[in-house]
Amino acid sequence: MNWLVLTVVGIICIAIIVLTFLKDRKDEEEFEEHAHKDYPKPPHDHDDADPEETPK
């Protein structure tokens, strides 16, 4: 086969893989940001009993 064609196809395949990986990382960061905004941690209530201080 023609080595030029194989080289071009190989470069295109590698570029598609790299771009897909970079887009997935960006989407994951956006998802985590939205998840943190939509579901914030509940405030810690200091009146709760500490499990280490409760008698056994």
PDB file of N, CA and C in Angstrom:
ATOM      1  N   MET A   1       0.841  -1.196   0.000  1.00  0.00           N
ATOM      2  CA  MET A   1       0.000   0.000   0.000  1.00  0.00           C
ATOM      3  C   MET A   1       0.879   1.251   0.000  1.00  0.00           C
ATOM      4  N   ASN A   2       0.234   2.318  -0.255  1.00  0.00           N
ATOM      5  CA  ASN A   2       0.931   3.591  -0.302  1.00  0.00           C
ATOM      6  C   ASN A   2       1.212   4.075   1.122  1.00  0.00           C
ATOM      7  N   TRP A   3       2.498   4.272   1.444  1.00  0.00           N
ATOM      8  CA  TRP A   3       2.872   4.685   2.797  1.00  0.00           C
ATOM      9  C   TRP A   3       2.358   6.079   3.120  1.00  0.00           C
ATOM     10  N   LEU A   4       2.223   6.922   2.149  1.00  0.00           N
ATOM     11  CA  LEU A   4       1.707   8.276   2.389  1.00  0.00           C
ATOM     12  C   LEU A   4       0.261   8.218   2.883  1.00  0.00           C
ATOM     13  N   VAL A   5      -0.539   7.382   2.265  1.00  0.00           N
ATOM     14  CA  VAL A   5      -1.944   7.243   2.669  1.00  0.00           C
ATOM     15  C   VAL A   5      -2.025   6.677   4.090  1.00  0.00           C
ATOM     16  N   LEU A   6      -1.230   5.653   4.385  1.00  0.00           N
ATOM     17  CA  LEU A   6      -1.233   5.066   5.726  1.00  0.00           C
ATOM     18  C   LEU A   6      -0.790   6.070   6.785  1.00  0.00           C
ATOM     19  N   THR A   7       0.199   6.878   6.459  1.00  0.00           N
ATOM     20  CA  THR A   7       0.677   7.887   7.404  1.00  0.00           C
ATOM     21  C   THR A   7      -0.394   8.930   7.679  1.00  0.00           C
ATOM     22  N   VAL A   8      -1.059   9.404   6.644  1.00  0.00           N
ATOM     23  CA  VAL A   8      -2.110  10.415   6.813  1.00  0.00           C
ATOM     24  C   VAL A   8      -3.269   9.837   7.632  1.00  0.00           C
ATOM     25  N   VAL A   9      -3.691   8.625   7.319  1.00  0.00           N
ATOM     26  CA  VAL A   9      -4.787   7.993   8.062  1.00  0.00           C
ATOM     27  C   VAL A   9      -4.378   7.782   9.520  1.00  0.00           C
ATOM     28  N   GLY A  10      -3.151   7.370   9.766  1.00  0.00           N
ATOM     29  CA  GLY A  10      -2.662   7.179  11.133  1.00  0.00           C
ATOM     30  C   GLY A  10      -2.654   8.477  11.919  1.00  0.00           C
ATOM     31  N   ILE A  11      -2.197   9.559  11.307  1.00  0.00           N
ATOM     32  CA  ILE A  11      -2.172  10.864  11.977  1.00  0.00           C
ATOM     33  C   ILE A  11      -3.591  11.330  12.289  1.00  0.00           C
ATOM     34  N   ILE A  12      -4.500  11.121  11.362  1.00  0.00           N
ATOM     35  CA  ILE A  12      -5.898  11.514  11.587  1.00  0.00           C
ATOM     36  C   ILE A  12      -6.496  10.707  12.737  1.00  0.00           C
ATOM     37  N   CYS A  13      -6.224   9.411  12.789  1.00  0.00           N
ATOM     38  CA  CYS A  13      -6.737   8.574  13.878  1.00  0.00           C
ATOM     39  C   CYS A  13      -6.188   9.016  15.229  1.00  0.00           C
ATOM     40  N   ILE A  14      -4.903   9.295  15.298  1.00  0.00           N
ATOM     41  CA  ILE A  14      -4.297   9.755  16.548  1.00  0.00           C
ATOM     42  C   ILE A  14      -4.900  11.098  16.961  1.00  0.00           C
ATOM     43  N   ALA A  15      -5.109  11.999  16.006  1.00  0.00           N
ATOM     44  CA  ALA A  15      -5.699  13.299  16.305  1.00  0.00           C
ATOM     45  C   ALA A  15      -7.121  13.141  16.850  1.00  0.00           C
ATOM     46  N   ILE A  16      -7.901  12.245  16.276  1.00  0.00           N
ATOM     47  CA  ILE A  16      -9.271  12.014  16.755  1.00  0.00           C
ATOM     48  C   ILE A  16      -9.252  11.480  18.183  1.00  0.00           C
ATOM     49  N   ILE A  17      -8.346  10.559  18.472  1.00  0.00           N
ATOM     50  CA  ILE A  17      -8.248   9.995  19.825  1.00  0.00           C
ATOM     51  C   ILE A  17      -7.863  11.073  20.832  1.00  0.00           C
ATOM     52  N   VAL A  18      -6.879  11.887  20.493  1.00  0.00           N
ATOM     53  CA  VAL A  18      -6.428  12.945  21.402  1.00  0.00           C
ATOM     54  C   VAL A  18      -7.535  13.974  21.627  1.00  0.00           C
ATOM     55  N   LEU A  19      -8.198  14.391  20.570  1.00  0.00           N
ATOM     56  CA  LEU A  19      -9.271  15.383  20.716  1.00  0.00           C
ATOM     57  C   LEU A  19     -10.440  14.828  21.528  1.00  0.00           C
ATOM     58  N   THR A  20     -10.759  13.556  21.349  1.00  0.00           N
ATOM     59  CA  THR A  20     -11.823  12.934  22.131  1.00  0.00           C
ATOM     60  C   THR A  20     -11.443  12.896  23.608  1.00  0.00           C
ATOM     61  N   PHE A  21     -10.204  12.562  23.907  1.00  0.00           N
ATOM     62  CA  PHE A  21      -9.732  12.524  25.288  1.00  0.00           C
ATOM     63  C   PHE A  21      -9.799  13.906  25.929  1.00  0.00           C
ATOM     64  N   LEU A  22      -9.353  14.943  25.203  1.00  0.00           N
ATOM     65  CA  LEU A  22      -9.376  16.299  25.749  1.00  0.00           C
ATOM     66  C   LEU A  22     -10.807  16.787  25.973  1.00  0.00           C
ATOM     67  N   LYS A  23     -11.718  16.482  25.075  1.00  0.00           N
ATOM     68  CA  LYS A  23     -13.106  16.883  25.222  1.00  0.00           C
ATOM     69  C   LYS A  23     -13.742  16.176  26.412  1.00  0.00           C
ATOM     70  N   ASP A  24     -13.421  14.908  26.608  1.00  0.00           N
ATOM     71  CA  ASP A  24     -13.964  14.153  27.738  1.00  0.00           C
ATOM     72  C   ASP A  24     -13.494  14.754  29.052  1.00  0.00           C
ATOM     73  N   ARG A  25     -12.224  15.144  29.145  1.00  0.00           N
ATOM     74  CA  ARG A  25     -11.720  15.769  30.380  1.00  0.00           C
ATOM     75  C   ARG A  25     -12.435  17.079  30.644  1.00  0.00           C
ATOM     76  N   LYS A  26     -12.665  17.880  29.609  1.00  0.00           N
ATOM     77  CA  LYS A  26     -13.351  19.167  29.764  1.00  0.00           C
ATOM     78  C   LYS A  26     -14.787  18.933  30.232  1.00  0.00           C
ATOM     79  N   ASP A  27     -15.478  17.964  29.615  1.00  0.00           N
ATOM     80  CA  ASP A  27     -16.852  17.672  29.998  1.00  0.00           C
ATOM     81  C   ASP A  27     -16.926  17.156  31.434  1.00  0.00           C
ATOM     82  N   GLU A  28     -15.943  16.365  31.847  1.00  0.00           N
ATOM     83  CA  GLU A  28     -15.933  15.844  33.209  1.00  0.00           C
ATOM     84  C   GLU A  28     -15.755  16.974  34.217  1.00  0.00           C
ATOM     85  N   GLU A  29     -14.877  17.918  33.924  1.00  0.00           N
ATOM     86  CA  GLU A  29     -14.675  19.059  34.816  1.00  0.00           C
ATOM     87  C   GLU A  29     -15.944  19.898  34.912  1.00  0.00           C
ATOM     88  N   GLU A  30     -16.631  20.125  33.795  1.00  0.00           N
ATOM     89  CA  GLU A  30     -17.879  20.883  33.816  1.00  0.00           C
ATOM     90  C   GLU A  30     -18.949  20.142  34.608  1.00  0.00           C
ATOM     91  N   PHE A  31     -19.023  18.810  34.456  1.00  0.00           N
ATOM     92  CA  PHE A  31     -20.008  18.027  35.192  1.00  0.00           C
ATOM     93  C   PHE A  31     -19.751  18.115  36.691  1.00  0.00           C
ATOM     94  N   GLU A  32     -18.483  17.988  37.101  1.00  0.00           N
ATOM     95  CA  GLU A  32     -18.162  18.064  38.522  1.00  0.00           C
ATOM     96  C   GLU A  32     -18.504  19.443  39.080  1.00  0.00           C
ATOM     97  N   GLU A  33     -18.244  20.494  38.308  1.00  0.00           N
ATOM     98  CA  GLU A  33     -18.561  21.850  38.753  1.00  0.00           C
ATOM     99  C   GLU A  33     -20.067  22.003  38.958  1.00  0.00           C
ATOM    100  N   HIS A  34     -20.854  21.520  38.011  1.00  0.00           N
ATOM    101  CA  HIS A  34     -22.312  21.612  38.136  1.00  0.00           C
ATOM    102  C   HIS A  34     -22.813  20.746  39.289  1.00  0.00           C
ATOM    103  N   ALA A  35     -22.221  19.584  39.481  1.00  0.00           N
ATOM    104  CA  ALA A  35     -22.649  18.692  40.563  1.00  0.00           C
ATOM    105  C   ALA A  35     -22.377  19.336  41.919  1.00  0.00           C
ATOM    106  N   HIS A  36     -21.247  20.018  42.054  1.00  0.00           N
ATOM    107  CA  HIS A  36     -20.932  20.672  43.326  1.00  0.00           C
ATOM    108  C   HIS A  36     -21.878  21.840  43.589  1.00  0.00           C
ATOM    109  N   LYS A  37     -22.284  22.528  42.551  1.00  0.00           N
ATOM    110  CA  LYS A  37     -23.212  23.646  42.715  1.00  0.00           C
ATOM    111  C   LYS A  37     -24.625  23.150  43.026  1.00  0.00           C
ATOM    112  N   ASP A  38     -25.048  22.063  42.370  1.00  0.00           N
ATOM    113  CA  ASP A  38     -26.404  21.557  42.547  1.00  0.00           C
ATOM    114  C   ASP A  38     -26.585  20.806  43.860  1.00  0.00           C
ATOM    115  N   TYR A  39     -25.556  20.138  44.327  1.00  0.00           N
ATOM    116  CA  TYR A  39     -25.657  19.319  45.532  1.00  0.00           C
ATOM    117  C   TYR A  39     -24.555  19.711  46.514  1.00  0.00           C
ATOM    118  N   PRO A  40     -24.711  20.852  47.188  1.00  0.00           N
ATOM    119  CA  PRO A  40     -23.667  21.260  48.129  1.00  0.00           C
ATOM    120  C   PRO A  40     -23.665  20.354  49.358  1.00  0.00           C
ATOM    121  N   LYS A  41     -22.540  20.331  50.047  1.00  0.00           N
ATOM    122  CA  LYS A  41     -22.440  19.534  51.262  1.00  0.00           C
ATOM    123  C   LYS A  41     -23.345  20.151  52.330  1.00  0.00           C
ATOM    124  N   PRO A  42     -23.997  19.320  53.135  1.00  0.00           N
ATOM    125  CA  PRO A  42     -24.827  19.879  54.199  1.00  0.00           C
ATOM    126  C   PRO A  42     -23.941  20.536  55.254  1.00  0.00           C
ATOM    127  N   PRO A  43     -24.428  21.592  55.863  1.00  0.00           N
ATOM    128  CA  PRO A  43     -23.610  22.246  56.896  1.00  0.00           C
ATOM    129  C   PRO A  43     -23.417  21.301  58.077  1.00  0.00           C
ATOM    130  N   HIS A  44     -22.242  21.345  58.666  1.00  0.00           N
ATOM    131  CA  HIS A  44     -21.923  20.491  59.802  1.00  0.00           C
ATOM    132  C   HIS A  44     -22.541  21.087  61.059  1.00  0.00           C
ATOM    133  N   ASP A  45     -23.307  20.284  61.753  1.00  0.00           N
ATOM    134  CA  ASP A  45     -23.957  20.733  62.984  1.00  0.00           C
ATOM    135  C   ASP A  45     -23.069  20.328  64.157  1.00  0.00           C
ATOM    136  N   HIS A  46     -22.561  21.310  64.881  1.00  0.00           N
ATOM    137  CA  HIS A  46     -21.652  21.033  65.984  1.00  0.00           C
ATOM    138  C   HIS A  46     -22.376  20.509  67.217  1.00  0.00           C
ATOM    139  N   ASP A  47     -23.701  20.544  67.237  1.00  0.00           N
ATOM    140  CA  ASP A  47     -24.451  20.041  68.377  1.00  0.00           C
ATOM    141  C   ASP A  47     -24.571  18.520  68.345  1.00  0.00           C
ATOM    142  N   ASP A  48     -24.213  17.895  67.234  1.00  0.00           N
ATOM    143  CA  ASP A  48     -24.287  16.438  67.142  1.00  0.00           C
ATOM    144  C   ASP A  48     -23.229  15.811  68.067  1.00  0.00           C
ATOM    145  N   ALA A  49     -23.534  14.634  68.541  1.00  0.00           N
ATOM    146  CA  ALA A  49     -22.588  13.931  69.400  1.00  0.00           C
ATOM    147  C   ALA A  49     -21.415  13.418  68.582  1.00  0.00           C
ATOM    148  N   ASP A  50     -20.242  13.551  69.150  1.00  0.00           N
ATOM    149  CA  ASP A  50     -19.044  13.036  68.498  1.00  0.00           C
ATOM    150  C   ASP A  50     -18.952  11.558  68.805  1.00  0.00           C
ATOM    151  N   PRO A  51     -18.805  10.692  67.795  1.00  0.00           N
ATOM    152  CA  PRO A  51     -18.783   9.242  68.080  1.00  0.00           C
ATOM    153  C   PRO A  51     -17.627   8.821  68.965  1.00  0.00           C
ATOM    154  N   GLU A  52     -16.556   9.588  68.990  1.00  0.00           N
ATOM    155  CA  GLU A  52     -15.434   9.242  69.844  1.00  0.00           C
ATOM    156  C   GLU A  52     -15.722   9.565  71.310  1.00  0.00           C
ATOM    157  N   GLU A  53     -16.629  10.509  71.557  1.00  0.00           N
ATOM    158  CA  GLU A  53     -16.912  10.913  72.931  1.00  0.00           C
ATOM    159  C   GLU A  53     -18.106  10.172  73.534  1.00  0.00           C
ATOM    160  N   THR A  54     -18.858   9.445  72.751  1.00  0.00           N
ATOM    161  CA  THR A  54     -20.002   8.739  73.296  1.00  0.00           C
ATOM    162  C   THR A  54     -19.559   7.526  74.081  1.00  0.00           C
ATOM    163  N   PRO A  55     -20.184   7.291  75.217  1.00  0.00           N
ATOM    164  CA  PRO A  55     -19.792   6.110  76.029  1.00  0.00           C
ATOM    165  C   PRO A  55     -20.214   4.825  75.332  1.00  0.00           C
ATOM    166  N   LYS A  56     -19.421   3.796  75.542  1.00  0.00           N
ATOM    167  CA  LYS A  56     -19.705   2.499  74.911  1.00  0.00           C
ATOM    168  C   LYS A  56     -20.289   1.526  75.901  1.00  0.00           C
TER     169      LYS A  56
END
